[in-house]
Amino acid sequence: MIYAQVNDITALWRPMSSQEQARAEALLPVVCAALRTEARKRGRDLDAMIAADQDLAEVAKSVTVDVVARALMTSTDQEPMTQMSQGAGGYTASGTFLVPGGGLFIKKSELARLGLRRQRMGVIEPYGKPD
């Protein structure tokens, strides 16, 4: 199951060049497989969850578009910088790259939107078990 189409990316993100459309077409099944794999790691069947809840299908479409858009923004010929700072007297320059090493990634917040992350509560007894 593919959760979004190229026209969804255009509608929810921005118009794309023909090269970007071809790349998005190739990325869509990869992103959907990655989302299904993340769900399986948590003992969930994402396809069944989406089949049972139309609203979750729309959320899955949005998450898929976000992940594909982020991958498309990652330059394929150089590393994209998200932050750059420069100095003057000491000739300092530094920057933060969007995705060190490239590749696609799924944020924790995107997994939470799909219902695949839950907060856990636990207690640590610093002095051992109380009697």
Protein backbone atom coordinates (compact mmCIF):
# COMPACT_ATOMS: atom_id res chain seq x y z
CA MET A 1 0.00 0.00 0.00
CA ILE A 2 1.28 3.44 -0.96
CA TYR A 3 0.02 6.17 1.37
CA ALA A 4 0.48 9.17 -0.98
CA GLN A 5 0.88 9.90 -4.68
CA VAL A 6 3.04 12.42 -6.54
CA ASN A 7 0.04 14.74 -6.99
CA ASP A 8 -0.42 14.72 -3.18
CA ILE A 9 3.15 15.96 -2.79
CA THR A 10 2.46 18.74 -5.28
CA ALA A 11 -0.78 19.69 -3.51
CA LEU A 12 0.54 19.52 0.06
CA TRP A 13 4.11 20.75 -0.49
CA ARG A 14 4.88 22.56 -3.75
CA PRO A 15 5.05 22.09 -7.53
CA MET A 16 8.03 19.96 -8.55
CA SER A 17 10.32 19.79 -11.55
CA SER A 18 10.17 16.68 -13.73
CA GLN A 19 13.39 15.41 -12.08
CA GLU A 20 11.88 15.87 -8.62
CA GLN A 21 8.68 14.12 -9.71
CA ALA A 22 10.67 11.13 -10.94
CA ARG A 23 12.64 11.02 -7.70
CA ALA A 24 9.43 11.38 -5.64
CA GLU A 25 7.87 8.49 -7.58
CA ALA A 26 10.86 6.32 -6.62
CA LEU A 27 10.85 7.53 -2.98
CA LEU A 28 7.16 6.89 -2.26
CA PRO A 29 7.34 3.07 -1.97
CA VAL A 30 10.58 3.31 0.01
CA VAL A 31 9.08 5.73 2.54
CA CYS A 32 5.90 3.64 2.89
CA ALA A 33 7.97 0.50 3.44
CA ALA A 34 10.02 2.35 6.08
CA LEU A 35 6.83 3.42 7.88
CA ARG A 36 5.48 -0.14 7.81
CA THR A 37 8.81 -1.41 9.17
CA GLU A 38 8.71 1.11 12.03
CA ALA A 39 5.16 -0.07 12.83
CA ARG A 40 6.24 -3.75 12.81
CA LYS A 41 9.09 -2.93 15.21
CA ARG A 42 6.37 -1.79 17.62
CA GLY A 43 4.15 -4.82 17.03
CA ARG A 44 1.63 -2.90 14.90
CA ASP A 45 0.26 -3.43 11.39
CA LEU A 46 0.12 0.04 9.84
CA ASP A 47 -1.86 -1.10 6.78
CA ALA A 48 -4.56 -2.62 9.01
CA MET A 49 -4.62 0.50 11.20
CA ILE A 50 -5.10 2.69 8.12
CA ALA A 51 -7.78 0.40 6.67
CA ALA A 52 -9.75 0.72 9.92
CA ASP A 53 -9.42 4.52 10.25
CA GLN A 54 -9.88 6.94 7.33
CA ASP A 55 -8.49 9.82 9.39
CA LEU A 56 -5.29 7.86 9.99
CA ALA A 57 -5.06 7.34 6.20
CA GLU A 58 -4.98 11.13 5.77
CA VAL A 59 -2.34 11.44 8.51
CA ALA A 60 -0.27 8.72 6.82
CA LYS A 61 -0.52 10.66 3.56
CA SER A 62 0.69 13.82 5.29
CA VAL A 63 3.58 12.03 7.02
CA THR A 64 4.60 10.37 3.75
CA VAL A 65 4.58 13.73 1.95
CA ASP A 66 6.67 15.28 4.75
CA VAL A 67 9.31 12.53 4.60
CA VAL A 68 9.48 12.60 0.79
CA ALA A 69 9.66 16.41 0.74
CA ARG A 70 12.50 16.36 3.26
CA ALA A 71 14.35 13.80 1.12
CA LEU A 72 13.79 15.94 -1.98
CA MET A 73 15.16 19.02 -0.21
CA THR A 74 18.34 17.09 0.53
CA SER A 75 20.74 17.94 -2.24
CA THR A 76 22.17 15.05 -4.20
CA ASP A 77 25.30 16.86 -5.36
CA GLN A 78 26.32 18.63 -2.15
CA GLU A 79 25.39 18.65 1.53
CA PRO A 80 22.63 21.20 2.29
CA MET A 81 23.29 23.55 5.17
CA THR A 82 20.47 24.57 7.51
CA GLN A 83 22.47 27.01 9.61
CA MET A 84 25.58 29.02 8.88
CA SER A 85 27.57 31.37 11.09
CA GLN A 86 30.67 33.38 10.30
CA GLY A 87 33.17 35.38 12.29
CA ALA A 88 35.39 38.25 11.28
CA GLY A 89 38.55 38.82 13.30
CA GLY A 90 39.39 35.19 13.92
CA TYR A 91 38.20 33.98 10.50
CA THR A 92 35.67 31.52 11.93
CA ALA A 93 32.94 29.82 9.89
CA SER A 94 30.67 26.96 10.94
CA GLY A 95 27.50 25.32 9.70
CA THR A 96 24.94 22.66 10.46
CA PHE A 97 23.95 20.24 7.72
CA LEU A 98 20.36 19.13 7.10
CA VAL A 99 21.01 15.38 7.05
CA PRO A 100 24.56 14.34 7.85
CA GLY A 101 25.38 11.47 5.55
CA GLY A 102 22.21 11.86 3.48
CA GLY A 103 19.43 9.30 3.26
CA LEU A 104 15.87 9.60 4.43
CA PHE A 105 14.76 9.68 8.02
CA ILE A 106 11.49 9.61 9.91
CA LYS A 107 11.12 11.95 12.87
CA LYS A 108 9.80 10.80 16.24
CA SER A 109 6.99 13.34 15.94
CA GLU A 110 5.91 11.76 12.64
CA LEU A 111 5.79 8.33 14.27
CA ALA A 112 3.73 9.84 17.09
CA ARG A 113 1.27 11.29 14.56
CA LEU A 114 0.74 7.75 13.26
CA GLY A 115 0.17 6.42 16.78
CA LEU A 116 3.45 4.49 16.76
CA ARG A 117 5.06 6.23 19.72
CA ARG A 118 3.63 6.29 23.18
CA GLN A 119 5.02 7.85 26.29
CA ARG A 120 6.10 5.36 28.88
CA MET A 121 6.12 5.97 32.54
CA GLY A 122 8.44 4.18 34.86
CA VAL A 123 9.93 4.50 38.28
CA ILE A 124 13.53 4.14 39.26
CA GLU A 125 14.16 3.37 42.89
CA PRO A 126 17.51 5.02 43.72
CA TYR A 127 17.80 3.19 47.06
CA GLY A 128 16.51 -0.24 46.06
CA LYS A 129 13.05 -1.68 46.62
CA PRO A 130 11.09 -0.31 49.56
CA ASP A 131 9.95 -2.90 52.10
